[in-house]
Amino acid sequence: MALILSIETSTSVCSVVLAKDGALLSLRELDSKNSHAEVLNGYIEEVLSESKSTLADLNAVAISEGPGSYTGLRIGVSTAKGLCYSLDIPLINVNTLQSLAFYTSQNINKELLEKENLLFCPMIDARRMEAYTAHFNAQNEEVRKVEAEVIDENTYLEFLDKHTFVFSGDGAGKYQELYGDNPNAHFYPEILLSAKGMIDLAEEKFKAEDFADLAYFEPFYLKAFIAGIPRVKGLR
């Protein structure tokens, strides 16, 4: 019997789920840039209250590890680690892109899932003409590692000759402009990251006792953080 709190803060979406034995009990989420610090703790309190649970009832906390927003990841990871330290429970790190691929597979036309050589390509906007992405097969196994990919008209031509691709996430729109007419390319930019996509993955890792090293775990940024130019006069 596992009661797991899952936290997703990798992008503009702040999402919190409480699940028991892989079944969703309560959800709170908001797609609003820079809202994480303001709403995350309140969402945690709300999902616990709605399910008549307390922090002391938790068996583990799962965190979406990245890649994604530097600030969002720091907020989510620091909150998750703080809970695990104070409650003396394990931390479960979930691959952000794998979570999005799995969540996408649960929310698309089922006929697509029967296609041969089907690959999921979850995409997180990395600004300009880049996206964080990886490829996952129909069994949600990673077949192409996570990378920051530069988007152009040639990026997927060779892949689309051999595979049916399902693109999702807030970076998918960039590809849709280039490959929207290709019959082997299916786009779901409206399917965004959600802690709901973490439920089964977190439950599986909990059963396998596949936990993160709480003392040393850090978010997977992929790209180095580059601070913006200060807007306050005298700080430039």
C-alpha atoms as a PDB file:
ATOM      1  CA  MET A   1       0.000   0.000   0.000  1.00  0.00           C
ATOM      2  CA  ALA A   2       1.812   3.104  -1.220  1.00  0.00           C
ATOM      3  CA  LEU A   3       0.602   6.678  -0.871  1.00  0.00           C
ATOM      4  CA  ILE A   4       2.771   8.774  -3.188  1.00  0.00           C
ATOM      5  CA  LEU A   5       2.801  12.527  -3.717  1.00  0.00           C
ATOM      6  CA  SER A   6       3.978  13.460  -7.237  1.00  0.00           C
ATOM      7  CA  ILE A   7       5.233  16.938  -8.134  1.00  0.00           C
ATOM      8  CA  GLU A   8       5.670  18.338 -11.667  1.00  0.00           C
ATOM      9  CA  THR A   9       7.284  21.792 -12.039  1.00  0.00           C
ATOM     10  CA  SER A  10       9.534  21.370 -15.093  1.00  0.00           C
ATOM     11  CA  THR A  11       7.675  23.857 -17.301  1.00  0.00           C
ATOM     12  CA  SER A  12       5.005  26.534 -16.886  1.00  0.00           C
ATOM     13  CA  VAL A  13       2.686  23.836 -15.524  1.00  0.00           C
ATOM     14  CA  CYS A  14       2.639  23.357 -11.759  1.00  0.00           C
ATOM     15  CA  SER A  15       0.982  20.009 -11.091  1.00  0.00           C
ATOM     16  CA  VAL A  16       0.558  17.970  -7.898  1.00  0.00           C
ATOM     17  CA  VAL A  17      -1.044  14.534  -7.600  1.00  0.00           C
ATOM     18  CA  LEU A  18      -1.738  12.260  -4.674  1.00  0.00           C
ATOM     19  CA  ALA A  19      -2.083   8.605  -5.648  1.00  0.00           C
ATOM     20  CA  LYS A  20      -2.566   5.390  -3.700  1.00  0.00           C
ATOM     21  CA  ASP A  21      -1.361   2.117  -5.192  1.00  0.00           C
ATOM     22  CA  GLY A  22      -1.293   3.743  -8.627  1.00  0.00           C
ATOM     23  CA  ALA A  23      -4.803   5.200  -8.426  1.00  0.00           C
ATOM     24  CA  LEU A  24      -5.320   8.959  -8.521  1.00  0.00           C
ATOM     25  CA  LEU A  25      -6.906  10.387  -5.386  1.00  0.00           C
ATOM     26  CA  SER A  26      -6.541  14.122  -5.910  1.00  0.00           C
ATOM     27  CA  LEU A  27      -5.057  16.570  -8.424  1.00  0.00           C
ATOM     28  CA  ARG A  28      -4.214  20.245  -8.535  1.00  0.00           C
ATOM     29  CA  GLU A  29      -2.546  21.896 -11.512  1.00  0.00           C
ATOM     30  CA  LEU A  30      -2.152  25.280 -13.154  1.00  0.00           C
ATOM     31  CA  ASP A  31      -0.499  26.327 -16.403  1.00  0.00           C
ATOM     32  CA  SER A  32       0.861  29.752 -15.517  1.00  0.00           C
ATOM     33  CA  LYS A  33       4.442  30.904 -15.927  1.00  0.00           C
ATOM     34  CA  ASN A  34       6.318  31.738 -12.724  1.00  0.00           C
ATOM     35  CA  SER A  35       3.476  30.539 -10.482  1.00  0.00           C
ATOM     36  CA  HIS A  36       5.244  27.575  -8.896  1.00  0.00           C
ATOM     37  CA  ALA A  37       6.630  29.270  -5.795  1.00  0.00           C
ATOM     38  CA  GLU A  38       3.255  30.850  -5.129  1.00  0.00           C
ATOM     39  CA  VAL A  39       0.987  27.810  -5.492  1.00  0.00           C
ATOM     40  CA  LEU A  40       3.018  24.626  -4.932  1.00  0.00           C
ATOM     41  CA  ASN A  41       2.794  24.353  -1.150  1.00  0.00           C
ATOM     42  CA  GLY A  42      -0.897  25.218  -1.227  1.00  0.00           C
ATOM     43  CA  TYR A  43      -1.545  22.530  -3.825  1.00  0.00           C
ATOM     44  CA  ILE A  44       0.211  19.950  -1.650  1.00  0.00           C
ATOM     45  CA  GLU A  45      -1.987  20.879   1.297  1.00  0.00           C
ATOM     46  CA  GLU A  46      -5.114  20.752  -0.870  1.00  0.00           C
ATOM     47  CA  VAL A  47      -4.537  17.297  -2.385  1.00  0.00           C
ATOM     48  CA  LEU A  48      -3.845  15.876   1.067  1.00  0.00           C
ATOM     49  CA  SER A  49      -6.897  17.536   2.581  1.00  0.00           C
ATOM     50  CA  GLU A  50      -9.186  16.440  -0.249  1.00  0.00           C
ATOM     51  CA  SER A  51      -8.196  12.800   0.242  1.00  0.00           C
ATOM     52  CA  LYS A  52      -8.375  13.086   4.046  1.00  0.00           C
ATOM     53  CA  SER A  53      -4.655  12.361   4.334  1.00  0.00           C
ATOM     54  CA  THR A  54      -1.760  14.041   6.110  1.00  0.00           C
ATOM     55  CA  LEU A  55       1.939  14.410   5.367  1.00  0.00           C
ATOM     56  CA  ALA A  56       2.610  11.681   7.917  1.00  0.00           C
ATOM     57  CA  ASP A  57       0.631   9.226   5.745  1.00  0.00           C
ATOM     58  CA  LEU A  58       2.967   9.593   2.756  1.00  0.00           C
ATOM     59  CA  ASN A  59       5.185   6.670   1.776  1.00  0.00           C
ATOM     60  CA  ALA A  60       7.226   8.567  -0.822  1.00  0.00           C
ATOM     61  CA  VAL A  61       7.477  11.767  -2.834  1.00  0.00           C
ATOM     62  CA  ALA A  62       8.056  11.642  -6.603  1.00  0.00           C
ATOM     63  CA  ILE A  63       9.617  14.549  -8.466  1.00  0.00           C
ATOM     64  CA  SER A  64       9.857  15.268 -12.177  1.00  0.00           C
ATOM     65  CA  GLU A  65      13.626  15.502 -12.600  1.00  0.00           C
ATOM     66  CA  GLY A  66      13.940  17.484 -15.842  1.00  0.00           C
ATOM     67  CA  PRO A  67      15.013  18.729 -18.271  1.00  0.00           C
ATOM     68  CA  GLY A  68      13.043  21.939 -18.218  1.00  0.00           C
ATOM     69  CA  SER A  69      12.917  25.332 -16.570  1.00  0.00           C
ATOM     70  CA  TYR A  70      15.841  25.967 -14.230  1.00  0.00           C
ATOM     71  CA  THR A  71      13.715  27.906 -11.759  1.00  0.00           C
ATOM     72  CA  GLY A  72      10.777  25.505 -11.889  1.00  0.00           C
ATOM     73  CA  LEU A  73      12.992  22.474 -11.362  1.00  0.00           C
ATOM     74  CA  ARG A  74      14.775  24.074  -8.405  1.00  0.00           C
ATOM     75  CA  ILE A  75      11.471  24.891  -6.712  1.00  0.00           C
ATOM     76  CA  GLY A  76      10.039  21.416  -7.231  1.00  0.00           C
ATOM     77  CA  VAL A  77      13.161  19.518  -6.226  1.00  0.00           C
ATOM     78  CA  SER A  78      13.853  21.609  -3.132  1.00  0.00           C
ATOM     79  CA  THR A  79      10.251  21.141  -1.984  1.00  0.00           C
ATOM     80  CA  ALA A  80      10.310  17.383  -2.609  1.00  0.00           C
ATOM     81  CA  LYS A  81      13.655  16.899  -0.873  1.00  0.00           C
ATOM     82  CA  GLY A  82      12.533  18.987   2.083  1.00  0.00           C
ATOM     83  CA  LEU A  83       9.466  16.794   2.531  1.00  0.00           C
ATOM     84  CA  CYS A  84      11.489  13.596   2.270  1.00  0.00           C
ATOM     85  CA  TYR A  85      14.054  14.792   4.791  1.00  0.00           C
ATOM     86  CA  SER A  86      11.464  15.919   7.307  1.00  0.00           C
ATOM     87  CA  LEU A  87       9.275  12.819   6.940  1.00  0.00           C
ATOM     88  CA  ASP A  88      12.156  10.344   6.518  1.00  0.00           C
ATOM     89  CA  ILE A  89      10.631   8.845   3.373  1.00  0.00           C
ATOM     90  CA  PRO A  90      12.206   8.038  -0.019  1.00  0.00           C
ATOM     91  CA  LEU A  91      12.462  10.366  -3.006  1.00  0.00           C
ATOM     92  CA  ILE A  92      11.537   8.980  -6.426  1.00  0.00           C
ATOM     93  CA  ASN A  93      12.946  10.760  -9.480  1.00  0.00           C
ATOM     94  CA  VAL A  94      10.866  10.458 -12.655  1.00  0.00           C
ATOM     95  CA  ASN A  95      12.190  11.140 -16.151  1.00  0.00           C
ATOM     96  CA  THR A  96      10.232  14.217 -17.271  1.00  0.00           C
ATOM     97  CA  LEU A  97      10.128  13.344 -20.968  1.00  0.00           C
ATOM     98  CA  GLN A  98       9.232   9.721 -20.250  1.00  0.00           C
ATOM     99  CA  SER A  99       6.382  10.959 -18.078  1.00  0.00           C
ATOM    100  CA  LEU A 100       5.109  13.162 -20.913  1.00  0.00           C
ATOM    101  CA  ALA A 101       5.407  10.306 -23.425  1.00  0.00           C
ATOM    102  CA  PHE A 102       3.431   7.996 -21.140  1.00  0.00           C
ATOM    103  CA  TYR A 103       0.783  10.629 -20.430  1.00  0.00           C
ATOM    104  CA  THR A 104       0.471  11.254 -24.179  1.00  0.00           C
ATOM    105  CA  SER A 105      -0.103   7.550 -24.842  1.00  0.00           C
ATOM    106  CA  GLN A 106      -3.033   7.674 -22.411  1.00  0.00           C
ATOM    107  CA  ASN A 107      -4.682  10.617 -24.152  1.00  0.00           C
ATOM    108  CA  ILE A 108      -4.501  10.008 -27.902  1.00  0.00           C
ATOM    109  CA  ASN A 109      -6.553   8.152 -30.482  1.00  0.00           C
ATOM    110  CA  LYS A 110      -6.232   4.454 -29.637  1.00  0.00           C
ATOM    111  CA  GLU A 111      -5.903   3.583 -33.329  1.00  0.00           C
ATOM    112  CA  LEU A 112      -2.557   5.365 -33.311  1.00  0.00           C
ATOM    113  CA  LEU A 113      -1.283   3.015 -30.614  1.00  0.00           C
ATOM    114  CA  GLU A 114      -1.718   0.102 -33.029  1.00  0.00           C
ATOM    115  CA  LYS A 115       0.588   1.615 -35.650  1.00  0.00           C
ATOM    116  CA  GLU A 116       3.782  -0.278 -36.413  1.00  0.00           C
ATOM    117  CA  ASN A 117       7.080   1.455 -35.657  1.00  0.00           C
ATOM    118  CA  LEU A 118       5.316   3.979 -33.440  1.00  0.00           C
ATOM    119  CA  LEU A 119       7.514   6.424 -31.562  1.00  0.00           C
ATOM    120  CA  PHE A 120       6.588   9.097 -29.053  1.00  0.00           C
ATOM    121  CA  CYS A 121       8.492  12.348 -29.212  1.00  0.00           C
ATOM    122  CA  PRO A 122       7.699  14.460 -26.136  1.00  0.00           C
ATOM    123  CA  MET A 123       8.990  18.007 -26.533  1.00  0.00           C
ATOM    124  CA  ILE A 124       9.725  20.726 -23.991  1.00  0.00           C
ATOM    125  CA  ASP A 125      10.275  24.227 -25.322  1.00  0.00           C
ATOM    126  CA  ALA A 126      13.910  25.240 -24.808  1.00  0.00           C
ATOM    127  CA  ARG A 127      13.455  28.721 -26.337  1.00  0.00           C
ATOM    128  CA  ARG A 128      14.435  29.970 -29.770  1.00  0.00           C
ATOM    129  CA  MET A 129      14.333  27.050 -32.224  1.00  0.00           C
ATOM    130  CA  GLU A 130      15.312  24.372 -29.722  1.00  0.00           C
ATOM    131  CA  ALA A 131      13.430  21.743 -27.773  1.00  0.00           C
ATOM    132  CA  TYR A 132      14.345  19.168 -25.149  1.00  0.00           C
ATOM    133  CA  THR A 133      13.292  15.831 -26.539  1.00  0.00           C
ATOM    134  CA  ALA A 134      13.814  12.068 -26.606  1.00  0.00           C
ATOM    135  CA  HIS A 135      12.180   9.112 -28.360  1.00  0.00           C
ATOM    136  CA  PHE A 136      10.142   6.407 -26.633  1.00  0.00           C
ATOM    137  CA  ASN A 137       8.576   3.309 -28.153  1.00  0.00           C
ATOM    138  CA  ALA A 138       5.051   2.025 -27.525  1.00  0.00           C
ATOM    139  CA  GLN A 139       6.316   0.236 -24.391  1.00  0.00           C
ATOM    140  CA  ASN A 140       7.551   3.588 -23.028  1.00  0.00           C
ATOM    141  CA  GLU A 141      11.179   2.534 -23.378  1.00  0.00           C
ATOM    142  CA  GLU A 142      13.691   5.224 -24.288  1.00  0.00           C
ATOM    143  CA  VAL A 143      15.167   4.502 -27.722  1.00  0.00           C
ATOM    144  CA  ARG A 144      16.869   7.855 -28.276  1.00  0.00           C
ATOM    145  CA  LYS A 145      18.431   9.699 -25.382  1.00  0.00           C
ATOM    146  CA  VAL A 146      17.405  13.110 -24.106  1.00  0.00           C
ATOM    147  CA  GLU A 147      18.963  16.047 -25.903  1.00  0.00           C
ATOM    148  CA  ALA A 148      18.471  19.698 -26.710  1.00  0.00           C
ATOM    149  CA  GLU A 149      17.572  19.552 -30.384  1.00  0.00           C
ATOM    150  CA  VAL A 150      17.823  22.372 -32.895  1.00  0.00           C
ATOM    151  CA  ILE A 151      14.682  22.424 -35.012  1.00  0.00           C
ATOM    152  CA  ASP A 152      14.837  22.731 -38.794  1.00  0.00           C
ATOM    153  CA  GLU A 153      13.134  21.232 -41.829  1.00  0.00           C
ATOM    154  CA  ASN A 154      15.629  18.335 -42.046  1.00  0.00           C
ATOM    155  CA  THR A 155      15.663  17.194 -38.419  1.00  0.00           C
ATOM    156  CA  TYR A 156      13.078  14.419 -38.761  1.00  0.00           C
ATOM    157  CA  LEU A 157      12.915  13.646 -42.469  1.00  0.00           C
ATOM    158  CA  GLU A 158      14.841  10.366 -42.227  1.00  0.00           C
ATOM    159  CA  PHE A 159      12.872   9.231 -39.161  1.00  0.00           C
ATOM    160  CA  LEU A 160       9.467   9.984 -40.673  1.00  0.00           C
ATOM    161  CA  ASP A 161      10.214   7.693 -43.611  1.00  0.00           C
ATOM    162  CA  LYS A 162      10.412   4.709 -41.254  1.00  0.00           C
ATOM    163  CA  HIS A 163       8.282   5.583 -38.232  1.00  0.00           C
ATOM    164  CA  THR A 164       4.978   7.037 -37.153  1.00  0.00           C
ATOM    165  CA  PHE A 165       5.706   9.862 -34.729  1.00  0.00           C
ATOM    166  CA  VAL A 166       3.518  11.339 -32.024  1.00  0.00           C
ATOM    167  CA  PHE A 167       4.727  14.794 -30.981  1.00  0.00           C
ATOM    168  CA  SER A 168       3.425  16.348 -27.765  1.00  0.00           C
ATOM    169  CA  GLY A 169       4.289  19.022 -25.226  1.00  0.00           C
ATOM    170  CA  ASP A 170       4.806  22.770 -25.342  1.00  0.00           C
ATOM    171  CA  GLY A 171       7.648  22.404 -27.858  1.00  0.00           C
ATOM    172  CA  ALA A 172       5.650  20.381 -30.395  1.00  0.00           C
ATOM    173  CA  GLY A 173       4.192  23.420 -32.123  1.00  0.00           C
ATOM    174  CA  LYS A 174       7.606  24.332 -33.489  1.00  0.00           C
ATOM    175  CA  TYR A 175       7.743  21.037 -35.374  1.00  0.00           C
ATOM    176  CA  GLN A 176       4.141  21.221 -36.487  1.00  0.00           C
ATOM    177  CA  GLU A 177       4.980  24.272 -38.565  1.00  0.00           C
ATOM    178  CA  LEU A 178       7.565  22.189 -40.446  1.00  0.00           C
ATOM    179  CA  TYR A 179       6.025  18.702 -40.597  1.00  0.00           C
ATOM    180  CA  GLY A 180       2.308  19.292 -40.144  1.00  0.00           C
ATOM    181  CA  ASP A 181       1.486  17.912 -43.604  1.00  0.00           C
ATOM    182  CA  ASN A 182       3.462  14.680 -43.191  1.00  0.00           C
ATOM    183  CA  PRO A 183       1.070  11.702 -42.821  1.00  0.00           C
ATOM    184  CA  ASN A 184       3.458   9.988 -40.396  1.00  0.00           C
ATOM    185  CA  ALA A 185       3.590  12.975 -38.036  1.00  0.00           C
ATOM    186  CA  HIS A 186       0.822  13.422 -35.464  1.00  0.00           C
ATOM    187  CA  PHE A 187       0.826  16.501 -33.257  1.00  0.00           C
ATOM    188  CA  TYR A 188      -0.667  17.037 -29.808  1.00  0.00           C
ATOM    189  CA  PRO A 189       0.769  20.346 -28.560  1.00  0.00           C
ATOM    190  CA  GLU A 190      -2.218  20.644 -26.228  1.00  0.00           C
ATOM    191  CA  ILE A 191      -1.007  17.645 -24.196  1.00  0.00           C
ATOM    192  CA  LEU A 192       1.250  19.229 -21.604  1.00  0.00           C
ATOM    193  CA  LEU A 193       3.186  17.863 -18.670  1.00  0.00           C
ATOM    194  CA  SER A 194       1.047  16.720 -15.754  1.00  0.00           C
ATOM    195  CA  ALA A 195       1.806  14.898 -12.530  1.00  0.00           C
ATOM    196  CA  LYS A 196      -0.875  12.450 -13.693  1.00  0.00           C
ATOM    197  CA  GLY A 197       1.717  11.083 -16.107  1.00  0.00           C
ATOM    198  CA  MET A 198       4.014  10.312 -13.166  1.00  0.00           C
ATOM    199  CA  ILE A 199       1.619   8.063 -11.234  1.00  0.00           C
ATOM    200  CA  ASP A 200       2.370   4.689 -12.836  1.00  0.00           C
ATOM    201  CA  LEU A 201       6.085   5.416 -13.248  1.00  0.00           C
ATOM    202  CA  ALA A 202       6.435   6.419  -9.599  1.00  0.00           C
ATOM    203  CA  GLU A 203       4.464   3.388  -8.411  1.00  0.00           C
ATOM    204  CA  GLU A 204       6.679   1.081 -10.466  1.00  0.00           C
ATOM    205  CA  LYS A 205       9.865   2.585  -9.020  1.00  0.00           C
ATOM    206  CA  PHE A 206       8.453   2.431  -5.490  1.00  0.00           C
ATOM    207  CA  LYS A 207       7.732  -1.294  -5.817  1.00  0.00           C
ATOM    208  CA  ALA A 208      11.263  -1.853  -7.147  1.00  0.00           C
ATOM    209  CA  GLU A 209      12.696   0.301  -4.325  1.00  0.00           C
ATOM    210  CA  ASP A 210      14.378   2.370  -7.019  1.00  0.00           C
ATOM    211  CA  PHE A 211      14.905   5.540  -5.032  1.00  0.00           C
ATOM    212  CA  ALA A 212      17.041   8.636  -5.579  1.00  0.00           C
ATOM    213  CA  ASP A 213      19.999   9.403  -3.325  1.00  0.00           C
ATOM    214  CA  LEU A 214      18.367  12.099  -1.247  1.00  0.00           C
ATOM    215  CA  ALA A 215      21.615  13.741  -0.186  1.00  0.00           C
ATOM    216  CA  TYR A 216      23.062  14.095  -3.675  1.00  0.00           C
ATOM    217  CA  PHE A 217      20.082  14.256  -6.030  1.00  0.00           C
ATOM    218  CA  GLU A 218      19.973  17.319  -8.288  1.00  0.00           C
ATOM    219  CA  PRO A 219      17.653  18.263 -11.170  1.00  0.00           C
ATOM    220  CA  PHE A 220      18.619  17.232 -14.692  1.00  0.00           C
ATOM    221  CA  TYR A 221      19.038  20.619 -16.349  1.00  0.00           C
ATOM    222  CA  LEU A 222      20.697  19.390 -19.591  1.00  0.00           C
ATOM    223  CA  LYS A 223      21.686  22.973 -20.453  1.00  0.00           C
ATOM    224  CA  ALA A 224      23.551  25.380 -18.207  1.00  0.00           C
ATOM    225  CA  PHE A 225      21.493  28.151 -16.648  1.00  0.00           C
ATOM    226  CA  ILE A 226      22.114  31.587 -18.184  1.00  0.00           C
ATOM    227  CA  ALA A 227      20.935  34.462 -16.064  1.00  0.00           C
ATOM    228  CA  GLY A 228      19.035  37.268 -17.773  1.00  0.00           C
ATOM    229  CA  ILE A 229      20.183  40.877 -17.782  1.00  0.00           C
ATOM    230  CA  PRO A 230      19.127  42.536 -14.518  1.00  0.00           C
ATOM    231  CA  ARG A 231      16.337  45.042 -15.032  1.00  0.00           C
ATOM    232  CA  VAL A 232      17.067  47.074 -11.914  1.00  0.00           C
ATOM    233  CA  LYS A 233      19.149  50.151 -12.604  1.00  0.00           C
ATOM    234  CA  GLY A 234      22.647  49.810 -11.228  1.00  0.00           C
ATOM    235  CA  LEU A 235      22.706  45.994 -11.398  1.00  0.00           C
ATOM    236  CA  ARG A 236      23.769  45.635 -15.018  1.00  0.00           C
END
